[in-house]
Amino acid sequence: MAWTSLCETSDLEPGKGHYVEIDGYHLAVFLDGGNYYVIDNYCPHAGGSLAGGFVENGCAVCPWHYWAFRLSDGELNSHPGVKITTYKTRVLEREGKPALVQANLAMP
């Protein structure tokens, strides 16, 4: 596992997803309630892009069929046991440069 930079904190808007593709990962990055979250981008239902959705009540909502996955643990809000992968996330502050959102990813 390695901390991997995904985007600058300024790239994110509260309640909206940001898509990142890096080293074979397709990720959705969110800012919600002052916290940063990184989850798999694709909804397991029909492959909708979660980054293209929105945040509601702490959940990333798929824009295709409105399946809502909790940002905190990836579980489908209405069906416990159905989950997407979430990633440990941190913010890397840099002097004189924008802060970076990083996720702890298994790198090849």
N, C-alpha and C. Protein backbone atom coordinates (compact mmCIF):
# COMPACT_ATOMS: atom_id res chain seq x y z
N MET A 1 0.85 -1.18 0.00
CA MET A 1 0.00 0.00 0.00
C MET A 1 0.90 1.25 0.00
N ALA A 2 0.44 2.26 -0.70
CA ALA A 2 1.20 3.50 -0.77
C ALA A 2 0.24 4.69 -0.86
N TRP A 3 0.60 5.77 -0.17
CA TRP A 3 -0.19 6.99 -0.28
C TRP A 3 0.04 7.57 -1.67
N THR A 4 -1.05 7.77 -2.39
CA THR A 4 -1.01 8.21 -3.78
C THR A 4 -1.82 9.49 -3.93
N SER A 5 -1.21 10.51 -4.51
CA SER A 5 -1.90 11.78 -4.73
C SER A 5 -2.91 11.65 -5.85
N LEU A 6 -4.13 12.14 -5.59
CA LEU A 6 -5.22 12.02 -6.56
C LEU A 6 -5.60 13.35 -7.19
N CYS A 7 -5.67 14.39 -6.38
CA CYS A 7 -6.08 15.70 -6.89
C CYS A 7 -5.77 16.75 -5.83
N GLU A 8 -5.91 18.00 -6.21
CA GLU A 8 -5.77 19.08 -5.24
C GLU A 8 -7.10 19.27 -4.53
N THR A 9 -7.05 19.69 -3.28
CA THR A 9 -8.30 19.91 -2.53
C THR A 9 -9.17 20.96 -3.24
N SER A 10 -8.55 21.89 -3.93
CA SER A 10 -9.30 22.94 -4.63
C SER A 10 -10.06 22.40 -5.85
N ASP A 11 -9.77 21.17 -6.27
CA ASP A 11 -10.49 20.56 -7.39
C ASP A 11 -11.89 20.08 -6.99
N LEU A 12 -12.15 20.04 -5.69
CA LEU A 12 -13.39 19.45 -5.19
C LEU A 12 -14.40 20.51 -4.77
N GLU A 13 -15.67 20.20 -5.03
CA GLU A 13 -16.79 21.03 -4.57
C GLU A 13 -17.63 20.18 -3.63
N PRO A 14 -18.03 20.73 -2.49
CA PRO A 14 -18.87 19.94 -1.58
C PRO A 14 -20.11 19.41 -2.29
N GLY A 15 -20.38 18.13 -2.08
CA GLY A 15 -21.58 17.52 -2.64
C GLY A 15 -21.45 17.00 -4.05
N LYS A 16 -20.30 17.24 -4.71
CA LYS A 16 -20.10 16.79 -6.08
C LYS A 16 -18.91 15.85 -6.14
N GLY A 17 -18.96 14.88 -7.05
CA GLY A 17 -17.87 13.95 -7.21
C GLY A 17 -16.82 14.45 -8.18
N HIS A 18 -15.63 13.90 -8.04
CA HIS A 18 -14.51 14.22 -8.93
C HIS A 18 -13.89 12.88 -9.35
N TYR A 19 -13.81 12.64 -10.65
CA TYR A 19 -13.30 11.38 -11.17
C TYR A 19 -11.78 11.43 -11.30
N VAL A 20 -11.13 10.33 -10.85
CA VAL A 20 -9.68 10.19 -10.98
C VAL A 20 -9.39 8.78 -11.47
N GLU A 21 -8.56 8.69 -12.51
CA GLU A 21 -8.07 7.39 -13.00
C GLU A 21 -6.56 7.39 -12.82
N ILE A 22 -6.07 6.39 -12.07
CA ILE A 22 -4.64 6.32 -11.78
C ILE A 22 -4.23 4.87 -11.57
N ASP A 23 -3.21 4.43 -12.29
CA ASP A 23 -2.64 3.09 -12.14
C ASP A 23 -3.69 1.98 -12.11
N GLY A 24 -4.67 2.06 -12.99
CA GLY A 24 -5.70 1.03 -13.09
C GLY A 24 -6.88 1.22 -12.17
N TYR A 25 -6.83 2.20 -11.29
CA TYR A 25 -7.95 2.50 -10.41
C TYR A 25 -8.86 3.54 -11.07
N HIS A 26 -10.16 3.36 -10.91
CA HIS A 26 -11.17 4.32 -11.34
C HIS A 26 -11.87 4.76 -10.07
N LEU A 27 -11.61 5.99 -9.65
CA LEU A 27 -12.02 6.45 -8.33
C LEU A 27 -12.93 7.66 -8.39
N ALA A 28 -13.75 7.79 -7.37
CA ALA A 28 -14.57 8.98 -7.16
C ALA A 28 -14.11 9.60 -5.85
N VAL A 29 -13.79 10.89 -5.91
CA VAL A 29 -13.31 11.63 -4.74
C VAL A 29 -14.39 12.64 -4.37
N PHE A 30 -14.68 12.71 -3.07
CA PHE A 30 -15.74 13.60 -2.59
C PHE A 30 -15.27 14.42 -1.41
N LEU A 31 -15.85 15.60 -1.27
CA LEU A 31 -15.73 16.45 -0.09
C LEU A 31 -17.14 16.58 0.48
N ASP A 32 -17.30 16.12 1.73
CA ASP A 32 -18.61 16.18 2.37
C ASP A 32 -18.42 16.47 3.85
N GLY A 33 -19.04 17.53 4.33
CA GLY A 33 -18.95 17.88 5.74
C GLY A 33 -17.53 18.17 6.20
N GLY A 34 -16.71 18.69 5.30
CA GLY A 34 -15.33 19.00 5.63
C GLY A 34 -14.39 17.80 5.60
N ASN A 35 -14.90 16.63 5.24
CA ASN A 35 -14.09 15.42 5.16
C ASN A 35 -13.94 14.99 3.71
N TYR A 36 -12.81 14.35 3.41
CA TYR A 36 -12.52 13.86 2.07
C TYR A 36 -12.72 12.35 2.05
N TYR A 37 -13.29 11.84 0.96
CA TYR A 37 -13.58 10.42 0.81
C TYR A 37 -13.16 9.97 -0.58
N VAL A 38 -12.67 8.73 -0.66
CA VAL A 38 -12.32 8.13 -1.94
C VAL A 38 -12.97 6.75 -1.99
N ILE A 39 -13.73 6.52 -3.07
CA ILE A 39 -14.43 5.24 -3.25
C ILE A 39 -14.24 4.78 -4.69
N ASP A 40 -14.54 3.49 -4.95
CA ASP A 40 -14.56 3.03 -6.34
C ASP A 40 -15.60 3.85 -7.10
N ASN A 41 -15.31 4.13 -8.36
CA ASN A 41 -16.18 5.01 -9.14
C ASN A 41 -17.43 4.33 -9.66
N TYR A 42 -17.37 3.02 -9.95
CA TYR A 42 -18.49 2.41 -10.65
C TYR A 42 -19.50 1.76 -9.73
N CYS A 43 -20.76 2.06 -9.94
CA CYS A 43 -21.86 1.46 -9.21
C CYS A 43 -21.99 -0.01 -9.64
N PRO A 44 -22.10 -0.94 -8.70
CA PRO A 44 -22.19 -2.36 -9.07
C PRO A 44 -23.52 -2.74 -9.71
N HIS A 45 -24.50 -1.87 -9.64
CA HIS A 45 -25.81 -2.17 -10.22
C HIS A 45 -25.77 -2.20 -11.74
N ALA A 46 -25.34 -1.09 -12.34
CA ALA A 46 -25.34 -1.01 -13.81
C ALA A 46 -24.11 -0.27 -14.35
N GLY A 47 -23.12 -0.04 -13.48
CA GLY A 47 -21.87 0.58 -13.92
C GLY A 47 -21.88 2.08 -14.02
N GLY A 48 -22.88 2.73 -13.43
CA GLY A 48 -22.92 4.19 -13.45
C GLY A 48 -21.72 4.80 -12.75
N SER A 49 -21.32 5.98 -13.17
CA SER A 49 -20.20 6.69 -12.58
C SER A 49 -20.65 7.41 -11.31
N LEU A 50 -20.14 6.96 -10.17
CA LEU A 50 -20.51 7.62 -8.91
C LEU A 50 -19.96 9.04 -8.84
N ALA A 51 -18.83 9.30 -9.50
CA ALA A 51 -18.28 10.65 -9.54
C ALA A 51 -19.23 11.60 -10.28
N GLY A 52 -20.05 11.06 -11.15
CA GLY A 52 -21.03 11.86 -11.89
C GLY A 52 -22.31 12.10 -11.12
N GLY A 53 -22.38 11.54 -9.92
CA GLY A 53 -23.57 11.69 -9.09
C GLY A 53 -23.44 12.85 -8.12
N PHE A 54 -24.04 12.68 -6.96
CA PHE A 54 -24.05 13.75 -5.96
C PHE A 54 -24.05 13.11 -4.58
N VAL A 55 -23.83 13.95 -3.56
CA VAL A 55 -23.83 13.48 -2.18
C VAL A 55 -25.13 13.90 -1.52
N GLU A 56 -25.74 12.95 -0.82
CA GLU A 56 -26.96 13.22 -0.06
C GLU A 56 -26.91 12.41 1.23
N ASN A 57 -27.05 13.09 2.36
CA ASN A 57 -27.05 12.44 3.66
C ASN A 57 -25.84 11.53 3.87
N GLY A 58 -24.65 12.00 3.47
CA GLY A 58 -23.43 11.23 3.67
C GLY A 58 -23.25 10.07 2.71
N CYS A 59 -24.03 10.04 1.64
CA CYS A 59 -23.95 8.96 0.65
C CYS A 59 -23.64 9.51 -0.74
N ALA A 60 -22.83 8.75 -1.49
CA ALA A 60 -22.63 9.04 -2.91
C ALA A 60 -23.79 8.39 -3.65
N VAL A 61 -24.53 9.19 -4.40
CA VAL A 61 -25.73 8.70 -5.09
C VAL A 61 -25.43 8.56 -6.58
N CYS A 62 -25.64 7.35 -7.10
CA CYS A 62 -25.42 7.07 -8.52
C CYS A 62 -26.45 7.86 -9.34
N PRO A 63 -25.98 8.54 -10.39
CA PRO A 63 -26.92 9.34 -11.19
C PRO A 63 -27.85 8.51 -12.07
N TRP A 64 -27.57 7.24 -12.27
CA TRP A 64 -28.41 6.43 -13.16
C TRP A 64 -29.67 5.92 -12.48
N HIS A 65 -29.54 5.27 -11.33
CA HIS A 65 -30.71 4.67 -10.68
C HIS A 65 -30.82 5.05 -9.21
N TYR A 66 -30.02 6.01 -8.80
CA TYR A 66 -30.09 6.61 -7.45
C TYR A 66 -29.76 5.63 -6.32
N TRP A 67 -28.90 4.66 -6.58
CA TRP A 67 -28.39 3.83 -5.49
C TRP A 67 -27.45 4.71 -4.67
N ALA A 68 -27.60 4.68 -3.34
CA ALA A 68 -26.84 5.56 -2.45
C ALA A 68 -25.87 4.72 -1.59
N PHE A 69 -24.58 4.99 -1.75
CA PHE A 69 -23.53 4.28 -1.01
C PHE A 69 -22.93 5.22 0.04
N ARG A 70 -22.87 4.74 1.28
CA ARG A 70 -22.30 5.55 2.35
C ARG A 70 -20.82 5.83 2.06
N LEU A 71 -20.44 7.10 2.14
CA LEU A 71 -19.05 7.48 1.91
C LEU A 71 -18.13 6.89 2.98
N SER A 72 -18.64 6.72 4.17
CA SER A 72 -17.81 6.26 5.29
C SER A 72 -17.36 4.81 5.17
N ASP A 73 -18.22 3.94 4.62
CA ASP A 73 -17.87 2.52 4.56
C ASP A 73 -18.25 1.82 3.25
N GLY A 74 -18.84 2.55 2.30
CA GLY A 74 -19.16 2.00 0.98
C GLY A 74 -20.41 1.15 0.92
N GLU A 75 -21.11 1.00 2.03
CA GLU A 75 -22.29 0.13 2.04
C GLU A 75 -23.50 0.82 1.40
N LEU A 76 -24.24 0.04 0.62
CA LEU A 76 -25.47 0.54 0.01
C LEU A 76 -26.45 0.87 1.13
N ASN A 77 -26.92 2.09 1.16
CA ASN A 77 -27.74 2.59 2.27
C ASN A 77 -29.00 1.75 2.51
N SER A 78 -29.63 1.26 1.45
CA SER A 78 -30.90 0.56 1.60
C SER A 78 -30.76 -0.97 1.63
N HIS A 79 -29.55 -1.50 1.39
CA HIS A 79 -29.34 -2.95 1.35
C HIS A 79 -28.01 -3.31 2.02
N PRO A 80 -28.01 -3.48 3.33
CA PRO A 80 -26.77 -3.86 4.00
C PRO A 80 -26.17 -5.11 3.36
N GLY A 81 -24.87 -5.12 3.24
CA GLY A 81 -24.18 -6.26 2.63
C GLY A 81 -23.72 -5.98 1.21
N VAL A 82 -24.37 -5.03 0.52
CA VAL A 82 -23.93 -4.62 -0.81
C VAL A 82 -22.98 -3.45 -0.61
N LYS A 83 -21.72 -3.62 -1.04
CA LYS A 83 -20.71 -2.60 -0.77
C LYS A 83 -19.84 -2.32 -1.99
N ILE A 84 -19.27 -1.13 -1.99
CA ILE A 84 -18.20 -0.78 -2.91
C ILE A 84 -16.97 -0.53 -2.04
N THR A 85 -15.82 -0.52 -2.66
CA THR A 85 -14.58 -0.33 -1.92
C THR A 85 -14.38 1.14 -1.57
N THR A 86 -13.98 1.37 -0.33
CA THR A 86 -13.57 2.70 0.12
C THR A 86 -12.08 2.64 0.41
N TYR A 87 -11.43 3.79 0.40
CA TYR A 87 -9.99 3.86 0.59
C TYR A 87 -9.66 4.86 1.70
N LYS A 88 -8.66 4.50 2.51
CA LYS A 88 -8.19 5.44 3.52
C LYS A 88 -7.70 6.68 2.80
N THR A 89 -8.04 7.82 3.36
CA THR A 89 -7.78 9.09 2.71
C THR A 89 -7.11 10.06 3.67
N ARG A 90 -6.24 10.89 3.14
CA ARG A 90 -5.63 11.96 3.94
C ARG A 90 -5.38 13.16 3.05
N VAL A 91 -5.10 14.29 3.70
CA VAL A 91 -4.75 15.52 2.98
C VAL A 91 -3.29 15.81 3.26
N LEU A 92 -2.52 16.03 2.21
CA LEU A 92 -1.10 16.36 2.32
C LEU A 92 -0.96 17.86 2.12
N GLU A 93 -0.62 18.55 3.19
CA GLU A 93 -0.38 20.00 3.12
C GLU A 93 1.01 20.23 2.55
N ARG A 94 1.13 21.24 1.67
CA ARG A 94 2.41 21.56 1.07
C ARG A 94 2.65 23.07 1.16
N GLU A 95 3.79 23.44 1.64
CA GLU A 95 4.10 24.86 1.80
C GLU A 95 4.18 25.55 0.44
N GLY A 96 3.37 26.60 0.29
CA GLY A 96 3.38 27.37 -0.95
C GLY A 96 2.69 26.72 -2.13
N LYS A 97 2.08 25.56 -1.91
CA LYS A 97 1.38 24.86 -2.99
C LYS A 97 0.03 24.37 -2.46
N PRO A 98 -0.92 24.10 -3.37
CA PRO A 98 -2.21 23.58 -2.92
C PRO A 98 -2.07 22.22 -2.23
N ALA A 99 -2.93 21.98 -1.25
CA ALA A 99 -2.96 20.68 -0.55
C ALA A 99 -3.46 19.61 -1.50
N LEU A 100 -3.02 18.36 -1.27
CA LEU A 100 -3.39 17.24 -2.11
C LEU A 100 -4.25 16.24 -1.34
N VAL A 101 -5.25 15.68 -2.02
CA VAL A 101 -6.01 14.56 -1.48
C VAL A 101 -5.26 13.30 -1.88
N GLN A 102 -4.97 12.45 -0.89
CA GLN A 102 -4.28 11.19 -1.16
C GLN A 102 -5.11 10.03 -0.66
N ALA A 103 -4.94 8.88 -1.33
CA ALA A 103 -5.57 7.63 -0.91
C ALA A 103 -4.50 6.57 -0.75
N ASN A 104 -4.72 5.66 0.17
CA ASN A 104 -3.80 4.56 0.41
C ASN A 104 -4.17 3.42 -0.53
N LEU A 105 -3.43 3.27 -1.63
CA LEU A 105 -3.75 2.31 -2.68
C LEU A 105 -2.68 1.22 -2.79
N ALA A 106 -3.11 0.03 -3.13
CA ALA A 106 -2.17 -1.05 -3.45
C ALA A 106 -1.61 -0.74 -4.83
N MET A 107 -0.34 -0.51 -4.91
CA MET A 107 0.26 -0.14 -6.18
C MET A 107 0.99 -1.33 -6.79
N PRO A 108 0.98 -1.41 -8.14
CA PRO A 108 1.64 -2.54 -8.82
C PRO A 108 3.16 -2.49 -8.65
